[in-house]
Protein backbone atom coordinates (compact mmCIF):
# COMPACT_ATOMS: atom_id res chain seq x y z
CA MET A 1 0.01 0.39 -0.05
CA SER A 2 1.40 3.64 -0.57
CA ARG A 3 2.56 6.00 1.69
CA ALA A 4 -0.69 8.26 0.64
CA PHE A 5 -3.10 5.54 2.32
CA TYR A 6 -1.34 5.33 5.37
CA LEU A 7 -1.09 9.15 5.97
CA LEU A 8 -4.67 9.17 4.92
CA ASN A 9 -5.61 6.55 7.35
CA PHE A 10 -3.75 8.38 10.32
CA MET A 11 -5.67 11.67 9.35
CA ASN A 12 -9.02 9.81 9.61
CA TYR A 13 -8.09 9.88 13.63
CA PHE A 14 -8.67 13.50 13.47
CA THR A 15 -12.12 13.53 11.09
CA ASP A 16 -13.91 10.26 11.97
CA TYR A 17 -12.87 9.94 15.47
CA ASN A 18 -12.84 12.14 18.38
CA PHE A 19 -9.89 11.36 20.82
CA PHE A 20 -12.28 10.97 23.83
CA ASP A 21 -15.00 8.71 22.21
CA ASP A 22 -16.24 5.55 23.97
CA CYS A 23 -15.86 2.28 22.28
CA TYR A 24 -19.52 2.58 21.37
CA THR A 25 -19.46 5.86 19.90
CA LEU A 26 -16.37 4.11 17.96
CA ARG A 27 -18.28 1.30 17.00
CA ARG A 28 -21.17 3.33 15.35
CA ASN A 29 -18.48 5.47 13.71
CA GLY A 30 -17.00 2.56 11.78
CA TYR A 31 -14.34 1.60 13.75
CA GLN A 32 -14.30 -2.12 14.16
CA GLY A 33 -10.46 -2.70 15.64
CA GLN A 34 -8.71 -1.88 12.11
CA ASP A 35 -5.73 -1.07 14.32
CA LYS A 36 -5.33 -4.50 16.28
CA LEU A 37 -2.52 -6.34 14.99
CA SER A 38 -1.66 -3.98 11.99
CA LEU A 39 1.14 -2.19 10.77
CA LEU A 40 0.69 0.93 12.67
CA GLN A 41 0.52 -1.16 15.77
CA PHE A 42 3.65 -2.62 15.28
CA LEU A 43 5.59 0.40 14.61
CA VAL A 44 3.69 2.55 17.25
CA MET A 45 4.99 -0.64 19.95
CA GLY A 46 8.03 -1.25 18.16
CA GLY A 47 9.19 2.49 18.58
CA LEU A 48 7.83 2.76 21.98
CA PHE A 49 10.08 -0.51 23.18
CA LEU A 50 13.10 1.22 21.60
CA LEU A 51 12.61 4.45 23.55
CA ILE A 52 12.15 2.57 26.44
CA VAL A 53 15.90 0.89 25.99
CA LEU A 54 17.23 3.93 24.76
CA VAL A 55 15.89 5.81 28.16
CA SER A 56 16.79 2.78 30.49
CA ILE A 57 20.58 2.83 28.89
CA LEU A 58 20.56 6.81 30.02
CA LEU A 59 19.47 6.15 33.31
CA ARG A 60 22.76 4.22 33.80
CA LYS A 61 24.50 7.56 34.34
CA VAL A 62 21.65 8.53 37.02
CA LYS A 63 22.02 8.07 40.39
CA LYS A 64 20.00 5.28 42.22
CA GLU A 65 18.07 7.44 44.05
CA LYS A 66 16.73 9.27 41.39
CA ILE A 67 15.83 6.35 39.28
CA PHE A 68 13.82 5.22 42.44
CA LEU A 69 12.07 8.59 42.84
CA ILE A 70 10.81 7.94 39.35
CA TYR A 71 9.34 4.47 40.67
CA LYS A 72 7.74 6.11 43.35
CA VAL A 73 6.29 8.65 41.02
CA LEU A 74 4.85 5.75 38.89
CA SER A 75 3.75 3.97 41.87
CA ILE A 76 1.39 6.62 42.57
CA VAL A 77 0.44 7.77 38.83
CA ILE A 78 -0.46 4.71 37.51
CA PRO A 79 -3.37 3.57 39.98
CA LEU A 80 -4.76 7.36 39.76
CA GLY A 81 -4.86 6.67 35.73
CA GLU A 82 -6.66 3.22 36.63
CA ILE A 83 -9.04 4.78 38.45
CA ILE A 84 -9.52 7.67 35.66
CA LYS A 85 -10.01 4.57 32.96
CA ILE A 86 -12.25 2.37 34.89
CA SER A 87 -14.61 5.16 35.86
CA TYR A 88 -14.54 6.66 31.92
CA SER A 89 -15.27 3.17 30.92
CA SER A 90 -17.97 2.30 33.34
CA TYR A 91 -19.78 5.45 32.75
CA PHE A 92 -20.16 4.55 28.89
CA ASP A 93 -21.11 1.08 29.98
CA ILE A 94 -23.60 2.53 32.22
CA LEU A 95 -25.04 5.09 30.02
CA ASN A 96 -25.34 2.36 27.15
CA GLY A 97 -27.72 -0.15 29.19
CA GLU A 98 -24.64 -2.72 29.91
CA GLY A 99 -24.26 -1.98 33.57
CA PHE A 100 -20.70 -2.19 35.54
CA ASN A 101 -18.77 -4.74 34.09
CA TRP A 102 -17.71 -7.04 36.73
CA SER A 103 -16.27 -9.23 34.17
CA GLY A 104 -13.51 -7.41 32.67
CA ILE A 105 -12.64 -3.87 33.98
CA LEU A 106 -11.49 -4.71 37.74
CA PRO A 107 -7.77 -4.49 38.00
CA LEU A 108 -7.23 -7.86 38.23
CA TYR A 109 -5.05 -8.83 35.37
CA THR A 110 -1.50 -10.00 35.46
CA CYS A 111 -0.53 -6.95 34.31
CA SER A 112 -2.33 -4.92 37.07
CA MET A 113 0.06 -6.24 39.33
CA VAL A 114 1.69 -3.25 38.55
CA LEU A 115 -0.70 -1.26 40.92
CA TYR A 116 -0.09 -3.44 43.86
CA PHE A 117 3.80 -4.27 43.80
CA LEU A 118 5.31 -1.66 42.00
CA PRO A 119 4.64 0.30 45.56
CA PHE A 120 7.23 -2.41 46.78
CA VAL A 121 9.72 -1.73 44.62
CA ALA A 122 9.47 2.01 44.97
CA TRP A 123 9.19 2.42 48.48
CA GLY A 124 10.93 -0.66 49.93
CA LYS A 125 14.42 -0.56 51.88
CA GLY A 126 15.95 -3.85 50.53
CA GLY A 127 13.54 -6.18 52.13
CA LYS A 128 12.17 -9.58 50.94
CA MET A 129 8.65 -8.03 49.42
CA GLN A 130 10.85 -5.62 47.30
CA GLN A 131 13.16 -8.34 46.27
CA PHE A 132 10.13 -10.56 45.22
CA SER A 133 8.66 -7.48 43.58
CA MET A 134 12.04 -6.90 41.40
CA ALA A 135 12.41 -10.30 40.28
CA PHE A 136 8.62 -10.23 39.24
CA PHE A 137 8.84 -7.15 36.99
CA THR A 138 11.96 -8.50 35.24
CA THR A 139 10.19 -12.11 34.41
CA ILE A 140 6.64 -12.73 34.50
CA GLY A 141 6.08 -8.92 34.63
CA LEU A 142 7.81 -8.07 31.46
CA VAL A 143 6.03 -10.86 29.90
CA ALA A 144 2.45 -9.59 30.90
CA GLY A 145 3.45 -6.09 29.57
CA LEU A 146 5.11 -7.24 26.27
CA SER A 147 2.45 -9.56 25.39
CA ASN A 148 0.22 -6.11 25.23
CA PHE A 149 3.07 -4.79 22.43
CA VAL A 150 1.98 -7.71 20.21
CA TYR A 151 -1.86 -8.40 20.94
CA LEU A 152 -2.95 -4.92 22.19
CA SER A 153 -6.20 -6.19 23.12
CA ALA A 154 -7.38 -2.66 23.01
CA ALA A 155 -7.01 -1.83 20.22
CA GLY A 156 -9.83 -4.07 19.01
CA TYR A 157 -12.32 -1.40 20.40
CA TYR A 158 -10.27 2.05 20.26
CA PRO A 159 -7.87 3.37 17.71
CA ILE A 160 -4.18 3.85 19.14
CA PHE A 161 -4.45 7.39 18.74
CA SER A 162 -7.47 7.47 20.82
CA TYR A 163 -7.80 7.95 24.94
CA GLY A 164 -8.90 4.34 25.19
CA GLY A 165 -5.94 3.15 22.69
CA LEU A 166 -3.33 5.29 24.47
CA TYR A 167 -3.92 4.72 27.74
CA SER A 168 -3.50 0.94 27.24
CA VAL A 169 -0.35 1.31 25.27
CA VAL A 170 1.59 3.76 27.75
CA PHE A 171 0.18 1.45 30.89
CA HIS A 172 1.83 -1.43 29.34
CA ALA A 173 4.95 0.34 28.21
CA LEU A 174 5.52 1.57 31.95
CA ILE A 175 5.31 -2.04 32.88
CA VAL A 176 8.02 -2.66 30.39
CA PHE A 177 10.04 0.17 31.22
CA VAL A 178 10.05 -0.94 34.93
CA GLY A 179 11.22 -4.33 34.30
CA VAL A 180 13.93 -3.45 31.83
CA SER A 181 15.15 -0.43 33.44
CA LEU A 182 15.79 -2.69 36.70
CA MET A 183 18.08 -4.68 34.63
CA ILE A 184 19.81 -2.27 32.16
CA THR A 185 20.61 0.02 35.19
CA GLY A 186 21.63 -2.94 37.45
CA ILE A 187 19.18 -2.15 40.15
CA TYR A 188 17.74 -5.88 39.88
CA VAL A 189 19.48 -8.55 37.69
CA PRO A 190 18.22 -12.24 37.06
CA THR A 191 20.96 -14.20 37.86
CA ASP A 192 19.92 -17.67 38.85
CA TYR A 193 17.13 -19.84 39.25
CA LYS A 194 16.39 -17.97 42.41
CA THR A 195 15.09 -15.59 40.74
CA ILE A 196 11.99 -18.22 39.57
CA ASN A 197 11.25 -18.73 43.44
CA ARG A 198 11.22 -14.82 44.01
CA ALA A 199 9.15 -13.74 40.92
CA LEU A 200 6.28 -16.48 41.91
CA ILE A 201 5.56 -15.35 45.14
CA PRO A 202 3.86 -12.24 44.03
CA VAL A 203 2.13 -14.79 41.35
CA PHE A 204 0.60 -16.75 43.87
CA ILE A 205 -0.19 -14.26 46.54
CA PHE A 206 -2.25 -12.65 43.68
CA GLY A 207 -3.45 -15.50 41.96
CA ALA A 208 -4.65 -16.75 45.53
CA LEU A 209 -6.91 -13.66 45.38
CA VAL A 210 -8.10 -13.84 41.77
CA LEU A 211 -8.46 -17.60 41.42
CA PRO A 212 -11.76 -17.66 43.40
CA LEU A 213 -12.70 -13.67 42.43
CA ASN A 214 -13.48 -15.39 38.86
CA PHE A 215 -16.02 -17.83 40.03
CA VAL A 216 -17.51 -15.82 42.25
CA ILE A 217 -17.88 -13.21 40.07
CA MET A 218 -19.34 -15.45 37.26
CA ALA A 219 -22.09 -16.72 39.86
CA ALA A 220 -23.27 -13.61 41.16
CA THR A 221 -23.04 -11.48 38.21
CA ARG A 222 -23.89 -14.11 35.38
CA GLN A 223 -22.21 -11.15 33.08
CA GLY A 224 -20.37 -14.04 30.85
CA TRP A 225 -16.88 -15.24 31.40
CA THR A 226 -14.82 -13.99 33.87
CA ASP A 227 -11.25 -14.76 33.11
CA TYR A 228 -8.62 -12.46 35.06
CA MET A 229 -5.27 -13.62 35.09
CA LEU A 230 -6.41 -15.90 32.35
CA LEU A 231 -7.13 -18.57 35.33
CA VAL A 232 -10.27 -19.50 33.54
CA LYS A 233 -10.18 -19.88 30.13
CA ALA A 234 -6.30 -18.37 29.20
CA ASN A 235 -8.45 -16.13 26.88
CA GLY A 236 -9.78 -19.03 24.62
CA PHE A 237 -6.83 -19.58 22.96
CA SER A 238 -6.64 -23.47 21.74
CA PRO A 239 -5.98 -25.56 23.11
CA PHE A 240 -6.19 -24.39 26.66
CA GLY A 241 -9.53 -22.89 25.93
CA ASP A 242 -10.60 -26.18 24.37
CA TRP A 243 -9.59 -27.79 27.46
CA SER A 244 -11.14 -25.45 30.44
CA ASP A 245 -14.49 -25.92 28.21
CA TRP A 246 -14.31 -29.76 28.70
CA LEU A 247 -13.59 -29.48 32.09
CA GLY A 248 -16.21 -27.14 32.59
CA GLN A 249 -18.76 -29.80 31.26
CA TYR A 250 -18.27 -32.02 34.45
CA HIS A 251 -17.84 -28.64 36.81
CA LEU A 252 -13.97 -29.32 37.25
CA ARG A 253 -13.04 -25.98 35.58
CA PHE A 254 -11.62 -25.02 38.92
CA LEU A 255 -8.71 -27.63 38.03
CA PHE A 256 -7.78 -25.74 34.90
CA SER A 257 -7.10 -22.69 36.99
CA PHE A 258 -4.78 -24.27 39.18
CA PHE A 259 -3.34 -25.94 36.07
CA MET A 260 -2.43 -22.23 34.87
CA LEU A 261 -1.67 -20.86 38.08
CA PHE A 262 0.62 -23.69 39.37
CA ILE A 263 2.10 -24.82 36.13
CA VAL A 264 1.81 -22.31 33.13
CA TYR A 265 2.89 -19.54 35.11
CA PRO A 266 5.85 -21.08 36.75
CA LEU A 267 6.91 -22.33 33.34
CA ALA A 268 6.63 -19.15 31.73
CA THR A 269 8.67 -17.40 34.67
CA ALA A 270 11.35 -20.07 34.49
CA LEU A 271 11.64 -19.99 30.67
CA ILE A 272 11.64 -15.96 30.54
CA THR A 273 14.39 -16.01 33.79
CA TYR A 274 16.55 -18.38 31.68
CA LEU A 275 16.18 -15.99 28.73
CA ASP A 276 16.85 -13.19 30.80
CA ILE A 277 20.15 -14.72 32.27
CA GLY A 278 20.88 -15.38 28.51
CA VAL A 279 20.90 -11.89 27.29
CA VAL A 280 22.68 -10.61 30.32
CA LYS A 281 25.78 -13.23 29.77
CA LEU A 282 25.61 -12.01 25.99
CA VAL A 283 25.67 -8.21 26.73
CA GLN A 284 28.53 -8.82 29.46
CA LEU A 285 30.35 -11.28 27.01
CA THR A 286 30.28 -8.47 24.33
CA PHE A 287 31.33 -5.54 26.34
CA HIS A 288 34.25 -8.16 27.63
CA ARG A 289 35.45 -8.81 24.24
CA LYS A 290 35.08 -4.77 23.51
CA LYS A 291 37.63 -3.95 26.18
CA GLU A 292 39.81 -6.80 25.73
CA LYS A 293 39.99 -5.02 21.98
CA THR A 294 40.49 -1.63 23.30
CA ALA A 295 43.19 -2.45 26.06
């Protein structure tokens, strides 16, 4: 497609849609998720990731106290942004006769853990919970943020350059920033398998709350599927979603939740931890060779 086509498509944001349009208005005006998995999404998210890496590299020259000040500000700003977003979405849900979206709007996703565990990173004094939280953000938390760089679910309802779209972009970018900056600045670098155990403690703490809440919300509201932390249907992705449905026929869907929490999450955490360790060793080896050549 020509450059003129993409330029025209970008300009349509300022003609077809208003920045603060809700998803109902957007749908009526013709937005059907065109930005999801589009070239525009990958250009925006790719550029944003490079910016996160660049900023993190620049922060290596900054005192650690100032970096923690950034985390402190984020630990306040992110929850405020989430409150505004929930209020915004809920207002239009109720206005359009849908009621409060108990099954989808609550901050109970894996990426939502930034709200509850970033304060431990920012305000901790070297205690265990600070170490556990740092391990989380540099492993499975990083996956939670980066997954939306690829599969930006909000773009199915909002154009990227709208309030709803940009909120999701920035929210997940900040999660990635925390994890990447912790590693690049050397504040917390995964170095061995113990990182896996540390990272899983926040996951199990949060999961112990979310797992029963999924079933309580489904039973109490009958709004459809509640799948916080992907513990009920794994977002329907095959074969997990199919297996969950099969178990549901025998009223055993809770077994799928245990499978996700105690098998899938640990495996994913272990995988990303060893990937982190590999990248760190590769970077260290590269810099060591450069020093040898300049010596």
